[in-house]
């Protein structure tokens, strides 16, 4: 006896095709318009499929420590353990951090741009 599958009893069989993913990475720098020598590096990493579609919800973005180059989760962490600056330098670094923190669409910018000059408002 053979079984006949009616449309209600049929199960959809999905073919699982393993897609190839590529790790994408963009390194960029933020700097001050009035003092471009004050720079903080940032990195964005994400996965794309062969069609160029992003295959994860959020990119992994982070900053680089200004002396060691180590990964920092926030822009302020980039100065941990560093205290060799005068009042002018402290003001410039503080200004740069504030402008980065207030920058709109930060994650997308880190993934797309190579250099962003932050202007006075």
PDB file of N, CA and C in Angstrom:
ATOM      1  N   UNK A   1       0.843  -1.169   0.000  1.00  0.00           N
ATOM      2  CA  UNK A   1       0.000   0.000   0.000  1.00  0.00           C
ATOM      3  C   UNK A   1       0.895   1.240   0.000  1.00  0.00           C
ATOM      4  N   UNK A   2       0.619   2.178  -0.854  1.00  0.00           N
ATOM      5  CA  UNK A   2       1.411   3.397  -0.899  1.00  0.00           C
ATOM      6  C   UNK A   2       0.597   4.556  -0.345  1.00  0.00           C
ATOM      7  N   UNK A   3       1.290   5.478   0.233  1.00  0.00           N
ATOM      8  CA  UNK A   3       0.616   6.638   0.811  1.00  0.00           C
ATOM      9  C   UNK A   3       0.590   7.763  -0.211  1.00  0.00           C
ATOM     10  N   UNK A   4      -0.506   8.422  -0.286  1.00  0.00           N
ATOM     11  CA  UNK A   4      -0.648   9.567  -1.186  1.00  0.00           C
ATOM     12  C   UNK A   4      -0.634  10.816  -0.313  1.00  0.00           C
ATOM     13  N   UNK A   5       0.256  11.731  -0.656  1.00  0.00           N
ATOM     14  CA  UNK A   5       0.335  12.975   0.113  1.00  0.00           C
ATOM     15  C   UNK A   5      -0.571  14.017  -0.520  1.00  0.00           C
ATOM     16  N   UNK A   6      -1.489  14.485   0.241  1.00  0.00           N
ATOM     17  CA  UNK A   6      -2.334  15.574  -0.228  1.00  0.00           C
ATOM     18  C   UNK A   6      -1.591  16.874   0.014  1.00  0.00           C
ATOM     19  N   UNK A   7      -2.006  17.940  -0.619  1.00  0.00           N
ATOM     20  CA  UNK A   7      -1.305  19.224  -0.412  1.00  0.00           C
ATOM     21  C   UNK A   7      -1.221  19.617   1.059  1.00  0.00           C
ATOM     22  N   UNK A   8      -2.217  19.246   1.849  1.00  0.00           N
ATOM     23  CA  UNK A   8      -2.191  19.616   3.265  1.00  0.00           C
ATOM     24  C   UNK A   8      -1.132  18.843   4.041  1.00  0.00           C
ATOM     25  N   UNK A   9      -0.781  17.643   3.556  1.00  0.00           N
ATOM     26  CA  UNK A   9       0.144  16.795   4.287  1.00  0.00           C
ATOM     27  C   UNK A   9       1.583  16.885   3.776  1.00  0.00           C
ATOM     28  N   UNK A  10       1.772  17.548   2.663  1.00  0.00           N
ATOM     29  CA  UNK A  10       3.118  17.655   2.116  1.00  0.00           C
ATOM     30  C   UNK A  10       3.956  18.564   3.004  1.00  0.00           C
ATOM     31  N   UNK A  11       5.175  18.182   3.177  1.00  0.00           N
ATOM     32  CA  UNK A  11       6.103  19.024   3.935  1.00  0.00           C
ATOM     33  C   UNK A  11       7.034  19.700   2.958  1.00  0.00           C
ATOM     34  N   UNK A  12       7.294  20.941   3.214  1.00  0.00           N
ATOM     35  CA  UNK A  12       8.242  21.641   2.361  1.00  0.00           C
ATOM     36  C   UNK A  12       9.643  21.177   2.698  1.00  0.00           C
ATOM     37  N   UNK A  13      10.364  20.855   1.695  1.00  0.00           N
ATOM     38  CA  UNK A  13      11.746  20.442   1.882  1.00  0.00           C
ATOM     39  C   UNK A  13      12.608  21.559   1.326  1.00  0.00           C
ATOM     40  N   UNK A  14      13.329  22.185   2.215  1.00  0.00           N
ATOM     41  CA  UNK A  14      14.198  23.277   1.794  1.00  0.00           C
ATOM     42  C   UNK A  14      15.591  22.741   1.551  1.00  0.00           C
ATOM     43  N   UNK A  15      16.130  23.149   0.463  1.00  0.00           N
ATOM     44  CA  UNK A  15      17.503  22.774   0.165  1.00  0.00           C
ATOM     45  C   UNK A  15      18.410  23.750   0.886  1.00  0.00           C
ATOM     46  N   UNK A  16      19.261  23.213   1.724  1.00  0.00           N
ATOM     47  CA  UNK A  16      20.171  24.059   2.483  1.00  0.00           C
ATOM     48  C   UNK A  16      21.447  24.210   1.679  1.00  0.00           C
ATOM     49  N   UNK A  17      21.674  25.412   1.262  1.00  0.00           N
ATOM     50  CA  UNK A  17      22.876  25.716   0.501  1.00  0.00           C
ATOM     51  C   UNK A  17      23.781  26.524   1.408  1.00  0.00           C
ATOM     52  N   UNK A  18      24.930  25.998   1.637  1.00  0.00           N
ATOM     53  CA  UNK A  18      25.864  26.710   2.499  1.00  0.00           C
ATOM     54  C   UNK A  18      26.481  27.858   1.706  1.00  0.00           C
ATOM     55  N   UNK A  19      26.262  29.044   2.208  1.00  0.00           N
ATOM     56  CA  UNK A  19      26.724  30.231   1.522  1.00  0.00           C
ATOM     57  C   UNK A  19      28.128  30.587   1.986  1.00  0.00           C
ATOM     58  N   UNK A  20      28.906  31.115   1.096  1.00  0.00           N
ATOM     59  CA  UNK A  20      30.268  31.520   1.427  1.00  0.00           C
ATOM     60  C   UNK A  20      30.236  32.953   1.944  1.00  0.00           C
ATOM     61  N   UNK A  21      30.886  33.177   3.073  1.00  0.00           N
ATOM     62  CA  UNK A  21      30.930  34.505   3.674  1.00  0.00           C
ATOM     63  C   UNK A  21      32.344  35.052   3.646  1.00  0.00           C
ATOM     64  N   UNK A  22      32.430  36.345   3.559  1.00  0.00           N
ATOM     65  CA  UNK A  22      33.729  37.018   3.554  1.00  0.00           C
ATOM     66  C   UNK A  22      33.772  37.992   4.723  1.00  0.00           C
ATOM     67  N   UNK A  23      34.851  37.958   5.473  1.00  0.00           N
ATOM     68  CA  UNK A  23      35.038  38.914   6.557  1.00  0.00           C
ATOM     69  C   UNK A  23      35.514  40.216   5.935  1.00  0.00           C
ATOM     70  N   UNK A  24      34.780  41.274   6.171  1.00  0.00           N
ATOM     71  CA  UNK A  24      35.111  42.596   5.645  1.00  0.00           C
ATOM     72  C   UNK A  24      35.641  43.444   6.800  1.00  0.00           C
ATOM     73  N   UNK A  25      36.566  44.320   6.477  1.00  0.00           N
ATOM     74  CA  UNK A  25      37.173  45.155   7.510  1.00  0.00           C
ATOM     75  C   UNK A  25      37.487  46.524   6.920  1.00  0.00           C
ATOM     76  N   UNK A  26      37.170  47.559   7.680  1.00  0.00           N
ATOM     77  CA  UNK A  26      37.512  48.915   7.280  1.00  0.00           C
ATOM     78  C   UNK A  26      38.198  49.609   8.450  1.00  0.00           C
ATOM     79  N   UNK A  27      39.366  50.151   8.185  1.00  0.00           N
ATOM     80  CA  UNK A  27      40.072  50.946   9.187  1.00  0.00           C
ATOM     81  C   UNK A  27      40.001  52.389   8.757  1.00  0.00           C
ATOM     82  N   UNK A  28      39.699  53.250   9.689  1.00  0.00           N
ATOM     83  CA  UNK A  28      39.535  54.662   9.367  1.00  0.00           C
ATOM     84  C   UNK A  28      40.053  55.517  10.509  1.00  0.00           C
ATOM     85  N   UNK A  29      40.015  56.838  10.297  1.00  0.00           N
ATOM     86  CA  UNK A  29      40.523  57.750  11.311  1.00  0.00           C
ATOM     87  C   UNK A  29      39.595  58.959  11.430  1.00  0.00           C
ATOM     88  N   UNK A  30      39.409  59.394  12.670  1.00  0.00           N
ATOM     89  CA  UNK A  30      38.720  60.647  12.973  1.00  0.00           C
ATOM     90  C   UNK A  30      39.784  61.667  13.346  1.00  0.00           C
ATOM     91  N   UNK A  31      39.621  62.905  12.891  1.00  0.00           N
ATOM     92  CA  UNK A  31      40.557  63.957  13.289  1.00  0.00           C
ATOM     93  C   UNK A  31      39.817  65.283  13.432  1.00  0.00           C
ATOM     94  N   UNK A  32      40.476  66.218  14.089  1.00  0.00           N
ATOM     95  CA  UNK A  32      39.907  67.548  14.289  1.00  0.00           C
ATOM     96  C   UNK A  32      40.237  68.450  13.100  1.00  0.00           C
ATOM     97  N   UNK A  33      39.281  69.239  12.694  1.00  0.00           N
ATOM     98  CA  UNK A  33      39.493  70.190  11.598  1.00  0.00           C
ATOM     99  C   UNK A  33      40.551  71.226  11.981  1.00  0.00           C
ATOM    100  N   UNK A  34      40.488  71.727  13.204  1.00  0.00           N
ATOM    101  CA  UNK A  34      41.403  72.785  13.623  1.00  0.00           C
ATOM    102  C   UNK A  34      42.772  72.262  14.047  1.00  0.00           C
ATOM    103  N   UNK A  35      42.892  70.962  14.246  1.00  0.00           N
ATOM    104  CA  UNK A  35      44.165  70.353  14.649  1.00  0.00           C
ATOM    105  C   UNK A  35      44.194  68.915  14.129  1.00  0.00           C
ATOM    106  N   UNK A  36      44.429  68.719  12.819  1.00  0.00           N
ATOM    107  CA  UNK A  36      44.333  67.381  12.219  1.00  0.00           C
ATOM    108  C   UNK A  36      45.335  66.362  12.748  1.00  0.00           C
ATOM    109  N   UNK A  37      46.349  66.822  13.472  1.00  0.00           N
ATOM    110  CA  UNK A  37      47.311  65.877  14.042  1.00  0.00           C
ATOM    111  C   UNK A  37      46.708  65.084  15.206  1.00  0.00           C
ATOM    112  N   UNK A  38      45.577  65.534  15.726  1.00  0.00           N
ATOM    113  CA  UNK A  38      44.870  64.796  16.781  1.00  0.00           C
ATOM    114  C   UNK A  38      43.918  63.822  16.092  1.00  0.00           C
ATOM    115  N   UNK A  39      44.282  62.546  16.133  1.00  0.00           N
ATOM    116  CA  UNK A  39      43.553  61.517  15.409  1.00  0.00           C
ATOM    117  C   UNK A  39      43.283  60.309  16.295  1.00  0.00           C
ATOM    118  N   UNK A  40      42.151  59.688  16.059  1.00  0.00           N
ATOM    119  CA  UNK A  40      41.806  58.434  16.720  1.00  0.00           C
ATOM    120  C   UNK A  40      41.367  57.459  15.631  1.00  0.00           C
ATOM    121  N   UNK A  41      41.947  56.287  15.648  1.00  0.00           N
ATOM    122  CA  UNK A  41      41.614  55.259  14.661  1.00  0.00           C
ATOM    123  C   UNK A  41      40.447  54.416  15.136  1.00  0.00           C
ATOM    124  N   UNK A  42      39.652  53.981  14.169  1.00  0.00           N
ATOM    125  CA  UNK A  42      38.514  53.096  14.452  1.00  0.00           C
ATOM    126  C   UNK A  42      38.485  51.988  13.398  1.00  0.00           C
ATOM    127  N   UNK A  43      37.883  50.864  13.769  1.00  0.00           N
ATOM    128  CA  UNK A  43      37.814  49.704  12.885  1.00  0.00           C
ATOM    129  C   UNK A  43      36.384  49.170  12.879  1.00  0.00           C
ATOM    130  N   UNK A  44      35.923  48.776  11.709  1.00  0.00           N
ATOM    131  CA  UNK A  44      34.631  48.111  11.561  1.00  0.00           C
ATOM    132  C   UNK A  44      34.857  46.765  10.887  1.00  0.00           C
ATOM    133  N   UNK A  45      34.239  45.718  11.422  1.00  0.00           N
ATOM    134  CA  UNK A  45      34.337  44.381  10.831  1.00  0.00           C
ATOM    135  C   UNK A  45      32.927  43.805  10.711  1.00  0.00           C
ATOM    136  N   UNK A  46      32.647  43.152   9.600  1.00  0.00           N
ATOM    137  CA  UNK A  46      31.354  42.531   9.360  1.00  0.00           C
ATOM    138  C   UNK A  46      31.522  41.421   8.335  1.00  0.00           C
ATOM    139  N   UNK A  47      30.481  40.640   8.143  1.00  0.00           N
ATOM    140  CA  UNK A  47      30.494  39.534   7.178  1.00  0.00           C
ATOM    141  C   UNK A  47      29.533  39.850   6.036  1.00  0.00           C
ATOM    142  N   UNK A  48      29.984  39.534   4.823  1.00  0.00           N
ATOM    143  CA  UNK A  48      29.152  39.695   3.636  1.00  0.00           C
ATOM    144  C   UNK A  48      29.121  38.379   2.878  1.00  0.00           C
ATOM    145  N   UNK A  49      28.024  38.142   2.161  1.00  0.00           N
ATOM    146  CA  UNK A  49      27.972  36.970   1.292  1.00  0.00           C
ATOM    147  C   UNK A  49      28.553  37.356  -0.074  1.00  0.00           C
ATOM    148  N   UNK A  50      28.563  36.420  -1.000  1.00  0.00           N
ATOM    149  CA  UNK A  50      29.171  36.646  -2.312  1.00  0.00           C
ATOM    150  C   UNK A  50      28.463  37.752  -3.095  1.00  0.00           C
ATOM    151  N   UNK A  51      27.204  38.024  -2.781  1.00  0.00           N
ATOM    152  CA  UNK A  51      26.456  39.092  -3.457  1.00  0.00           C
ATOM    153  C   UNK A  51      26.717  40.465  -2.848  1.00  0.00           C
ATOM    154  N   UNK A  52      27.451  40.516  -1.748  1.00  0.00           N
ATOM    155  CA  UNK A  52      27.721  41.789  -1.086  1.00  0.00           C
ATOM    156  C   UNK A  52      26.690  42.183  -0.055  1.00  0.00           C
ATOM    157  N   UNK A  53      25.786  41.252   0.286  1.00  0.00           N
ATOM    158  CA  UNK A  53      24.784  41.515   1.312  1.00  0.00           C
ATOM    159  C   UNK A  53      25.403  41.293   2.685  1.00  0.00           C
ATOM    160  N   UNK A  54      25.131  42.180   3.612  1.00  0.00           N
ATOM    161  CA  UNK A  54      25.609  42.008   4.985  1.00  0.00           C
ATOM    162  C   UNK A  54      24.796  40.897   5.629  1.00  0.00           C
ATOM    163  N   UNK A  55      25.476  39.946   6.263  1.00  0.00           N
ATOM    164  CA  UNK A  55      24.796  38.766   6.792  1.00  0.00           C
ATOM    165  C   UNK A  55      24.761  38.722   8.320  1.00  0.00           C
ATOM    166  N   UNK A  56      25.023  39.815   8.951  1.00  0.00           N
ATOM    167  CA  UNK A  56      24.875  39.873  10.403  1.00  0.00           C
ATOM    168  C   UNK A  56      24.173  41.175  10.733  1.00  0.00           C
ATOM    169  N   UNK A  57      23.521  41.211  11.872  1.00  0.00           N
ATOM    170  CA  UNK A  57      22.719  42.384  12.211  1.00  0.00           C
ATOM    171  C   UNK A  57      23.552  43.633  12.439  1.00  0.00           C
ATOM    172  N   UNK A  58      24.626  43.511  13.166  1.00  0.00           N
ATOM    173  CA  UNK A  58      25.443  44.690  13.482  1.00  0.00           C
ATOM    174  C   UNK A  58      26.902  44.415  13.187  1.00  0.00           C
ATOM    175  N   UNK A  59      27.573  45.433  12.733  1.00  0.00           N
ATOM    176  CA  UNK A  59      29.013  45.331  12.534  1.00  0.00           C
ATOM    177  C   UNK A  59      29.699  45.414  13.894  1.00  0.00           C
ATOM    178  N   UNK A  60      30.869  44.851  13.977  1.00  0.00           N
ATOM    179  CA  UNK A  60      31.695  44.949  15.180  1.00  0.00           C
ATOM    180  C   UNK A  60      32.574  46.178  14.992  1.00  0.00           C
ATOM    181  N   UNK A  61      32.305  47.228  15.746  1.00  0.00           N
ATOM    182  CA  UNK A  61      33.093  48.452  15.627  1.00  0.00           C
ATOM    183  C   UNK A  61      33.830  48.724  16.925  1.00  0.00           C
ATOM    184  N   UNK A  62      35.026  49.250  16.785  1.00  0.00           N
ATOM    185  CA  UNK A  62      35.834  49.566  17.959  1.00  0.00           C
ATOM    186  C   UNK A  62      36.892  50.597  17.589  1.00  0.00           C
ATOM    187  N   UNK A  63      37.538  51.125  18.615  1.00  0.00           N
ATOM    188  CA  UNK A  63      38.596  52.121  18.446  1.00  0.00           C
ATOM    189  C   UNK A  63      39.937  51.491  18.778  1.00  0.00           C
ATOM    190  N   UNK A  64      41.005  52.159  18.385  1.00  0.00           N
ATOM    191  CA  UNK A  64      42.361  51.682  18.689  1.00  0.00           C
ATOM    192  C   UNK A  64      43.014  52.633  19.700  1.00  0.00           C
ATOM    193  N   UNK A  65      43.654  52.044  20.711  1.00  0.00           N
ATOM    194  CA  UNK A  65      44.381  52.825  21.718  1.00  0.00           C
ATOM    195  C   UNK A  65      45.450  53.666  21.025  1.00  0.00           C
ATOM    196  N   UNK A  66      45.590  54.916  21.428  1.00  0.00           N
ATOM    197  CA  UNK A  66      46.496  55.821  20.706  1.00  0.00           C
ATOM    198  C   UNK A  66      47.970  55.454  20.845  1.00  0.00           C
ATOM    199  N   UNK A  67      48.333  54.692  21.865  1.00  0.00           N
ATOM    200  CA  UNK A  67      49.734  54.277  22.022  1.00  0.00           C
ATOM    201  C   UNK A  67      49.974  52.819  21.656  1.00  0.00           C
ATOM    202  N   UNK A  68      49.100  51.942  22.109  1.00  0.00           N
ATOM    203  CA  UNK A  68      49.343  50.502  21.933  1.00  0.00           C
ATOM    204  C   UNK A  68      48.663  49.911  20.702  1.00  0.00           C
ATOM    205  N   UNK A  69      47.633  50.590  20.196  1.00  0.00           N
ATOM    206  CA  UNK A  69      46.879  50.049  19.073  1.00  0.00           C
ATOM    207  C   UNK A  69      45.895  48.957  19.474  1.00  0.00           C
ATOM    208  N   UNK A  70      45.800  48.675  20.766  1.00  0.00           N
ATOM    209  CA  UNK A  70      44.888  47.646  21.247  1.00  0.00           C
ATOM    210  C   UNK A  70      43.429  48.065  21.047  1.00  0.00           C
ATOM    211  N   UNK A  71      42.564  47.089  21.005  1.00  0.00           N
ATOM    212  CA  UNK A  71      41.137  47.308  20.841  1.00  0.00           C
ATOM    213  C   UNK A  71      40.559  48.045  22.049  1.00  0.00           C
ATOM    214  N   UNK A  72      39.745  49.057  21.794  1.00  0.00           N
ATOM    215  CA  UNK A  72      39.053  49.808  22.835  1.00  0.00           C
ATOM    216  C   UNK A  72      37.573  49.878  22.471  1.00  0.00           C
ATOM    217  N   UNK A  73      36.714  49.583  23.415  1.00  0.00           N
ATOM    218  CA  UNK A  73      35.275  49.570  23.145  1.00  0.00           C
ATOM    219  C   UNK A  73      34.671  50.966  23.074  1.00  0.00           C
ATOM    220  N   UNK A  74      35.270  51.925  23.759  1.00  0.00           N
ATOM    221  CA  UNK A  74      34.776  53.311  23.690  1.00  0.00           C
ATOM    222  C   UNK A  74      35.935  54.229  23.333  1.00  0.00           C
ATOM    223  N   UNK A  75      35.582  55.373  22.802  1.00  0.00           N
ATOM    224  CA  UNK A  75      36.618  56.309  22.389  1.00  0.00           C
ATOM    225  C   UNK A  75      37.444  56.792  23.587  1.00  0.00           C
ATOM    226  N   UNK A  76      36.841  56.881  24.737  1.00  0.00           N
ATOM    227  CA  UNK A  76      37.557  57.342  25.936  1.00  0.00           C
ATOM    228  C   UNK A  76      38.569  56.303  26.429  1.00  0.00           C
ATOM    229  N   UNK A  77      38.341  55.039  26.126  1.00  0.00           N
ATOM    230  CA  UNK A  77      39.290  53.993  26.512  1.00  0.00           C
ATOM    231  C   UNK A  77      40.618  54.115  25.769  1.00  0.00           C
ATOM    232  N   UNK A  78      40.628  54.878  24.696  1.00  0.00           N
ATOM    233  CA  UNK A  78      41.840  55.034  23.878  1.00  0.00           C
ATOM    234  C   UNK A  78      42.966  55.740  24.629  1.00  0.00           C
ATOM    235  N   UNK A  79      42.648  56.331  25.768  1.00  0.00           N
ATOM    236  CA  UNK A  79      43.647  57.088  26.528  1.00  0.00           C
ATOM    237  C   UNK A  79      44.014  56.437  27.853  1.00  0.00           C
ATOM    238  N   UNK A  80      43.503  55.260  28.107  1.00  0.00           N
ATOM    239  CA  UNK A  80      43.776  54.571  29.368  1.00  0.00           C
ATOM    240  C   UNK A  80      45.280  54.382  29.543  1.00  0.00           C
ATOM    241  N   UNK A  81      45.794  54.804  30.696  1.00  0.00           N
ATOM    242  CA  UNK A  81      47.207  54.632  31.004  1.00  0.00           C
ATOM    243  C   UNK A  81      48.128  55.667  30.379  1.00  0.00           C
ATOM    244  N   UNK A  82      47.566  56.676  29.751  1.00  0.00           N
ATOM    245  CA  UNK A  82      48.394  57.700  29.100  1.00  0.00           C
ATOM    246  C   UNK A  82      48.134  59.036  29.760  1.00  0.00           C
ATOM    247  N   UNK A  83      49.191  59.688  30.208  1.00  0.00           N
ATOM    248  CA  UNK A  83      49.006  60.958  30.909  1.00  0.00           C
ATOM    249  C   UNK A  83      50.040  61.994  30.516  1.00  0.00           C
ATOM    250  N   UNK A  84      50.721  61.795  29.411  1.00  0.00           N
ATOM    251  CA  UNK A  84      51.780  62.714  29.014  1.00  0.00           C
ATOM    252  C   UNK A  84      51.273  63.809  28.085  1.00  0.00           C
ATOM    253  N   UNK A  85      50.447  64.700  28.620  1.00  0.00           N
ATOM    254  CA  UNK A  85      50.016  65.814  27.780  1.00  0.00           C
ATOM    255  C   UNK A  85      49.788  67.048  28.633  1.00  0.00           C
ATOM    256  N   UNK A  86      49.966  68.180  27.979  1.00  0.00           N
ATOM    257  CA  UNK A  86      49.769  69.452  28.672  1.00  0.00           C
ATOM    258  C   UNK A  86      48.297  69.871  28.550  1.00  0.00           C
ATOM    259  N   UNK A  87      47.985  71.055  29.031  1.00  0.00           N
ATOM    260  CA  UNK A  87      46.600  71.520  29.059  1.00  0.00           C
ATOM    261  C   UNK A  87      46.013  71.651  27.649  1.00  0.00           C
ATOM    262  N   UNK A  88      46.787  72.167  26.703  1.00  0.00           N
ATOM    263  CA  UNK A  88      46.317  72.315  25.324  1.00  0.00           C
ATOM    264  C   UNK A  88      46.003  70.940  24.719  1.00  0.00           C
ATOM    265  N   UNK A  89      46.923  69.992  24.892  1.00  0.00           N
ATOM    266  CA  UNK A  89      46.713  68.655  24.341  1.00  0.00           C
ATOM    267  C   UNK A  89      45.495  67.979  24.969  1.00  0.00           C
ATOM    268  N   UNK A  90      45.356  68.130  26.260  1.00  0.00           N
ATOM    269  CA  UNK A  90      44.204  67.552  26.953  1.00  0.00           C
ATOM    270  C   UNK A  90      42.908  68.119  26.379  1.00  0.00           C
ATOM    271  N   UNK A  91      42.883  69.416  26.141  1.00  0.00           N
ATOM    272  CA  UNK A  91      41.705  70.052  25.565  1.00  0.00           C
ATOM    273  C   UNK A  91      41.410  69.518  24.167  1.00  0.00           C
ATOM    274  N   UNK A  92      42.435  69.353  23.356  1.00  0.00           N
ATOM    275  CA  UNK A  92      42.253  68.851  21.990  1.00  0.00           C
ATOM    276  C   UNK A  92      41.744  67.405  21.995  1.00  0.00           C
ATOM    277  N   UNK A  93      42.342  66.556  22.822  1.00  0.00           N
ATOM    278  CA  UNK A  93      41.894  65.164  22.890  1.00  0.00           C
ATOM    279  C   UNK A  93      40.457  65.092  23.408  1.00  0.00           C
ATOM    280  N   UNK A  94      40.149  65.890  24.398  1.00  0.00           N
ATOM    281  CA  UNK A  94      38.797  65.919  24.958  1.00  0.00           C
ATOM    282  C   UNK A  94      37.799  66.379  23.892  1.00  0.00           C
ATOM    283  N   UNK A  95      38.155  67.383  23.132  1.00  0.00           N
ATOM    284  CA  UNK A  95      37.300  67.881  22.051  1.00  0.00           C
ATOM    285  C   UNK A  95      37.064  66.798  21.004  1.00  0.00           C
ATOM    286  N   UNK A  96      38.121  66.092  20.625  1.00  0.00           N
ATOM    287  CA  UNK A  96      37.993  65.020  19.646  1.00  0.00           C
ATOM    288  C   UNK A  96      37.057  63.921  20.156  1.00  0.00           C
ATOM    289  N   UNK A  97      37.233  63.512  21.399  1.00  0.00           N
ATOM    290  CA  UNK A  97      36.361  62.486  21.981  1.00  0.00           C
ATOM    291  C   UNK A  97      34.898  62.932  21.974  1.00  0.00           C
ATOM    292  N   UNK A  98      34.646  64.153  22.380  1.00  0.00           N
ATOM    293  CA  UNK A  98      33.271  64.668  22.423  1.00  0.00           C
ATOM    294  C   UNK A  98      32.645  64.690  21.040  1.00  0.00           C
ATOM    295  N   UNK A  99      33.399  65.110  20.045  1.00  0.00           N
ATOM    296  CA  UNK A  99      32.855  65.177  18.684  1.00  0.00           C
ATOM    297  C   UNK A  99      32.573  63.783  18.129  1.00  0.00           C
ATOM    298  N   UNK A 100      33.423  62.830  18.447  1.00  0.00           N
ATOM    299  CA  UNK A 100      33.172  61.453  18.006  1.00  0.00           C
ATOM    300  C   UNK A 100      31.925  60.907  18.703  1.00  0.00           C
ATOM    301  N   UNK A 101      31.819  61.138  20.004  1.00  0.00           N
ATOM    302  CA  UNK A 101      30.665  60.640  20.763  1.00  0.00           C
ATOM    303  C   UNK A 101      29.350  61.247  20.259  1.00  0.00           C
ATOM    304  N   UNK A 102      29.400  62.472  19.771  1.00  0.00           N
ATOM    305  CA  UNK A 102      28.197  63.163  19.301  1.00  0.00           C
ATOM    306  C   UNK A 102      27.948  62.984  17.803  1.00  0.00           C
ATOM    307  N   UNK A 103      28.817  62.262  17.139  1.00  0.00           N
ATOM    308  CA  UNK A 103      28.698  62.073  15.697  1.00  0.00           C
ATOM    309  C   UNK A 103      27.539  61.124  15.387  1.00  0.00           C
ATOM    310  N   UNK A 104      26.700  61.487  14.479  1.00  0.00           N
ATOM    311  CA  UNK A 104      25.557  60.649  14.115  1.00  0.00           C
ATOM    312  C   UNK A 104      25.964  59.470  13.243  1.00  0.00           C
ATOM    313  N   UNK A 105      25.253  58.361  13.382  1.00  0.00           N
ATOM    314  CA  UNK A 105      25.473  57.164  12.574  1.00  0.00           C
ATOM    315  C   UNK A 105      26.926  56.694  12.616  1.00  0.00           C
ATOM    316  N   UNK A 106      27.443  56.598  13.802  1.00  0.00           N
ATOM    317  CA  UNK A 106      28.855  56.266  14.022  1.00  0.00           C
ATOM    318  C   UNK A 106      29.242  54.909  13.439  1.00  0.00           C
ATOM    319  N   UNK A 107      28.429  53.881  13.668  1.00  0.00           N
ATOM    320  CA  UNK A 107      28.766  52.540  13.189  1.00  0.00           C
ATOM    321  C   UNK A 107      28.892  52.506  11.668  1.00  0.00           C
ATOM    322  N   UNK A 108      27.939  53.099  10.980  1.00  0.00           N
ATOM    323  CA  UNK A 108      27.969  53.119   9.512  1.00  0.00           C
ATOM    324  C   UNK A 108      29.174  53.905   9.010  1.00  0.00           C
ATOM    325  N   UNK A 109      29.488  54.997   9.658  1.00  0.00           N
ATOM    326  CA  UNK A 109      30.635  55.820   9.263  1.00  0.00           C
ATOM    327  C   UNK A 109      31.930  55.039   9.409  1.00  0.00           C
ATOM    328  N   UNK A 110      32.085  54.331  10.519  1.00  0.00           N
ATOM    329  CA  UNK A 110      33.305  53.547  10.749  1.00  0.00           C
ATOM    330  C   UNK A 110      33.456  52.470   9.671  1.00  0.00           C
ATOM    331  N   UNK A 111      32.364  51.892   9.232  1.00  0.00           N
ATOM    332  CA  UNK A 111      32.431  50.832   8.224  1.00  0.00           C
ATOM    333  C   UNK A 111      32.639  51.360   6.805  1.00  0.00           C
ATOM    334  N   UNK A 112      32.235  52.588   6.530  1.00  0.00           N
ATOM    335  CA  UNK A 112      32.253  53.101   5.152  1.00  0.00           C
ATOM    336  C   UNK A 112      33.379  54.079   4.821  1.00  0.00           C
ATOM    337  N   UNK A 113      33.783  54.871   5.769  1.00  0.00           N
ATOM    338  CA  UNK A 113      34.710  55.972   5.482  1.00  0.00           C
ATOM    339  C   UNK A 113      36.158  55.602   5.792  1.00  0.00           C
ATOM    340  N   UNK A 114      37.087  56.374   5.230  1.00  0.00           N
ATOM    341  CA  UNK A 114      38.518  56.206   5.526  1.00  0.00           C
ATOM    342  C   UNK A 114      39.014  57.307   6.450  1.00  0.00           C
ATOM    343  N   UNK A 115      38.434  58.487   6.322  1.00  0.00           N
ATOM    344  CA  UNK A 115      38.858  59.631   7.133  1.00  0.00           C
ATOM    345  C   UNK A 115      37.662  60.549   7.312  1.00  0.00           C
ATOM    346  N   UNK A 116      37.444  60.965   8.554  1.00  0.00           N
ATOM    347  CA  UNK A 116      36.381  61.906   8.852  1.00  0.00           C
ATOM    348  C   UNK A 116      36.984  63.073   9.621  1.00  0.00           C
ATOM    349  N   UNK A 117      36.830  64.257   9.058  1.00  0.00           N
ATOM    350  CA  UNK A 117      37.294  65.472   9.717  1.00  0.00           C
ATOM    351  C   UNK A 117      36.112  66.016  10.501  1.00  0.00           C
ATOM    352  N   UNK A 118      36.310  66.225  11.791  1.00  0.00           N
ATOM    353  CA  UNK A 118      35.257  66.703  12.668  1.00  0.00           C
ATOM    354  C   UNK A 118      35.396  68.206  12.837  1.00  0.00           C
ATOM    355  N   UNK A 119      34.374  68.941  12.425  1.00  0.00           N
ATOM    356  CA  UNK A 119      34.383  70.382  12.437  1.00  0.00           C
ATOM    357  C   UNK A 119      33.741  70.948  13.695  1.00  0.00           C
ATOM    358  N   UNK A 120      34.078  72.199  13.989  1.00  0.00           N
ATOM    359  CA  UNK A 120      33.416  72.916  15.100  1.00  0.00           C
ATOM    360  C   UNK A 120      31.982  73.164  14.714  1.00  0.00           C
ATOM    361  N   UNK A 121      31.132  73.198  15.689  1.00  0.00           N
ATOM    362  CA  UNK A 121      29.704  73.504  15.416  1.00  0.00           C
ATOM    363  C   UNK A 121      29.423  74.944  15.666  1.00  0.00           C
TER     364      UNK A 121
END
